[in-house]
Amino acid sequence: MAGVANKNYWTLLIILLSGIVLGGFIGYLCRNVSFLSWLNYGQTFGLSSPVVLDLGILVLTFGLTISINIASIIGIILGIIIYKKL
């Protein structure tokens, strides 16, 4: 278990975010390929309209939309596998 104590969890975060982004990109690229179009199947959720906070001299706009598809989930799984191999 000495290897587990040496692992940096920031590395895990970077690898997982990379897996999500690359998986989403690959899913987007495969959307028009008939036998790979299932990779782009997913769900989008979040705030439908951004929340605006007007303070007079400063206007803050908050919004969050998360779009996840099958390829992103595969990217997360591959990221976890890669992290465990480090």
C-alpha atoms as a PDB file:
ATOM      1  CA  MET A   1       0.000   0.000   0.000  1.00  0.00           C
ATOM      2  CA  ALA A   2       2.989   2.330  -0.097  1.00  0.00           C
ATOM      3  CA  GLY A   3       2.149   3.242  -3.701  1.00  0.00           C
ATOM      4  CA  VAL A   4      -1.316   4.483  -2.754  1.00  0.00           C
ATOM      5  CA  ALA A   5       0.078   6.973  -0.229  1.00  0.00           C
ATOM      6  CA  ASN A   6       2.377   8.455  -2.881  1.00  0.00           C
ATOM      7  CA  LYS A   7      -0.384   9.108  -5.433  1.00  0.00           C
ATOM      8  CA  ASN A   8      -1.411  12.692  -5.927  1.00  0.00           C
ATOM      9  CA  TYR A   9      -5.195  13.205  -6.050  1.00  0.00           C
ATOM     10  CA  TRP A  10      -4.754  16.305  -8.199  1.00  0.00           C
ATOM     11  CA  THR A  11      -3.399  13.913 -10.815  1.00  0.00           C
ATOM     12  CA  LEU A  12      -6.608  11.885 -10.546  1.00  0.00           C
ATOM     13  CA  LEU A  13      -8.680  15.027 -11.054  1.00  0.00           C
ATOM     14  CA  ILE A  14      -6.679  16.052 -14.130  1.00  0.00           C
ATOM     15  CA  ILE A  15      -6.911  12.547 -15.625  1.00  0.00           C
ATOM     16  CA  LEU A  16     -10.669  12.351 -14.985  1.00  0.00           C
ATOM     17  CA  LEU A  17     -11.301  15.784 -16.489  1.00  0.00           C
ATOM     18  CA  SER A  18      -9.203  14.833 -19.502  1.00  0.00           C
ATOM     19  CA  GLY A  19     -11.237  11.639 -19.897  1.00  0.00           C
ATOM     20  CA  ILE A  20     -14.504  13.582 -19.738  1.00  0.00           C
ATOM     21  CA  VAL A  21     -13.393  16.182 -22.279  1.00  0.00           C
ATOM     22  CA  LEU A  22     -11.812  13.712 -24.708  1.00  0.00           C
ATOM     23  CA  GLY A  23     -14.756  11.336 -24.392  1.00  0.00           C
ATOM     24  CA  GLY A  24     -17.215  14.137 -25.086  1.00  0.00           C
ATOM     25  CA  PHE A  25     -15.192  15.223 -28.102  1.00  0.00           C
ATOM     26  CA  ILE A  26     -15.009  11.672 -29.463  1.00  0.00           C
ATOM     27  CA  GLY A  27     -18.757  11.258 -28.898  1.00  0.00           C
ATOM     28  CA  TYR A  28     -19.388  14.492 -30.779  1.00  0.00           C
ATOM     29  CA  LEU A  29     -17.215  13.345 -33.681  1.00  0.00           C
ATOM     30  CA  CYS A  30     -19.011   9.984 -33.860  1.00  0.00           C
ATOM     31  CA  ARG A  31     -22.525  11.426 -33.927  1.00  0.00           C
ATOM     32  CA  ASN A  32     -22.890  11.035 -37.725  1.00  0.00           C
ATOM     33  CA  VAL A  33     -21.248   7.603 -37.995  1.00  0.00           C
ATOM     34  CA  SER A  34     -24.096   5.089 -38.090  1.00  0.00           C
ATOM     35  CA  PHE A  35     -22.490   2.275 -36.065  1.00  0.00           C
ATOM     36  CA  LEU A  36     -20.843   4.664 -33.535  1.00  0.00           C
ATOM     37  CA  SER A  37     -23.682   7.140 -33.024  1.00  0.00           C
ATOM     38  CA  TRP A  38     -24.564   5.462 -29.703  1.00  0.00           C
ATOM     39  CA  LEU A  39     -21.404   7.051 -28.209  1.00  0.00           C
ATOM     40  CA  ASN A  40     -23.046  10.481 -28.462  1.00  0.00           C
ATOM     41  CA  TYR A  41     -26.200   9.422 -26.586  1.00  0.00           C
ATOM     42  CA  GLY A  42     -26.409  11.360 -23.361  1.00  0.00           C
ATOM     43  CA  GLN A  43     -28.104  13.896 -21.165  1.00  0.00           C
ATOM     44  CA  THR A  44     -27.686  17.622 -20.538  1.00  0.00           C
ATOM     45  CA  PHE A  45     -28.698  19.130 -17.219  1.00  0.00           C
ATOM     46  CA  GLY A  46     -28.104  22.279 -15.226  1.00  0.00           C
ATOM     47  CA  LEU A  47     -29.528  25.771 -14.979  1.00  0.00           C
ATOM     48  CA  SER A  48     -31.815  26.468 -17.944  1.00  0.00           C
ATOM     49  CA  SER A  49     -31.201  30.201 -17.668  1.00  0.00           C
ATOM     50  CA  PRO A  50     -28.293  31.845 -15.871  1.00  0.00           C
ATOM     51  CA  VAL A  51     -28.787  33.571 -12.515  1.00  0.00           C
ATOM     52  CA  VAL A  52     -27.889  37.261 -12.694  1.00  0.00           C
ATOM     53  CA  LEU A  53     -26.846  39.241  -9.615  1.00  0.00           C
ATOM     54  CA  ASP A  54     -26.868  42.996 -10.326  1.00  0.00           C
ATOM     55  CA  LEU A  55     -25.023  44.956  -7.627  1.00  0.00           C
ATOM     56  CA  GLY A  56     -25.184  48.330  -9.365  1.00  0.00           C
ATOM     57  CA  ILE A  57     -21.533  48.676 -10.321  1.00  0.00           C
ATOM     58  CA  LEU A  58     -20.933  44.959 -10.747  1.00  0.00           C
ATOM     59  CA  VAL A  59     -23.065  42.380 -12.522  1.00  0.00           C
ATOM     60  CA  LEU A  60     -22.370  38.711 -11.808  1.00  0.00           C
ATOM     61  CA  THR A  61     -23.830  35.967 -13.974  1.00  0.00           C
ATOM     62  CA  PHE A  62     -23.860  32.385 -12.719  1.00  0.00           C
ATOM     63  CA  GLY A  63     -24.671  29.426 -14.928  1.00  0.00           C
ATOM     64  CA  LEU A  64     -23.825  25.757 -15.120  1.00  0.00           C
ATOM     65  CA  THR A  65     -24.708  23.182 -17.745  1.00  0.00           C
ATOM     66  CA  ILE A  66     -23.331  19.659 -17.699  1.00  0.00           C
ATOM     67  CA  SER A  67     -23.528  17.492 -20.795  1.00  0.00           C
ATOM     68  CA  ILE A  68     -22.489  13.891 -20.371  1.00  0.00           C
ATOM     69  CA  ASN A  69     -22.605  11.110 -22.944  1.00  0.00           C
ATOM     70  CA  ILE A  70     -21.584   7.461 -23.218  1.00  0.00           C
ATOM     71  CA  ALA A  71     -18.134   8.347 -24.558  1.00  0.00           C
ATOM     72  CA  SER A  72     -17.521  10.618 -21.541  1.00  0.00           C
ATOM     73  CA  ILE A  73     -18.416   7.774 -19.180  1.00  0.00           C
ATOM     74  CA  ILE A  74     -15.991   5.506 -21.039  1.00  0.00           C
ATOM     75  CA  GLY A  75     -13.358   8.272 -20.706  1.00  0.00           C
ATOM     76  CA  ILE A  76     -13.943   8.422 -16.930  1.00  0.00           C
ATOM     77  CA  ILE A  77     -13.555   4.650 -16.632  1.00  0.00           C
ATOM     78  CA  LEU A  78     -10.367   4.700 -18.699  1.00  0.00           C
ATOM     79  CA  GLY A  79      -9.053   7.578 -16.568  1.00  0.00           C
ATOM     80  CA  ILE A  80      -9.587   5.573 -13.376  1.00  0.00           C
ATOM     81  CA  ILE A  81      -7.835   2.566 -14.920  1.00  0.00           C
ATOM     82  CA  ILE A  82      -4.887   4.721 -16.010  1.00  0.00           C
ATOM     83  CA  TYR A  83      -4.661   6.288 -12.543  1.00  0.00           C
ATOM     84  CA  LYS A  84      -4.575   2.891 -10.878  1.00  0.00           C
ATOM     85  CA  LYS A  85      -1.747   1.802 -13.226  1.00  0.00           C
ATOM     86  CA  LEU A  86       0.421   4.794 -12.193  1.00  0.00           C
END
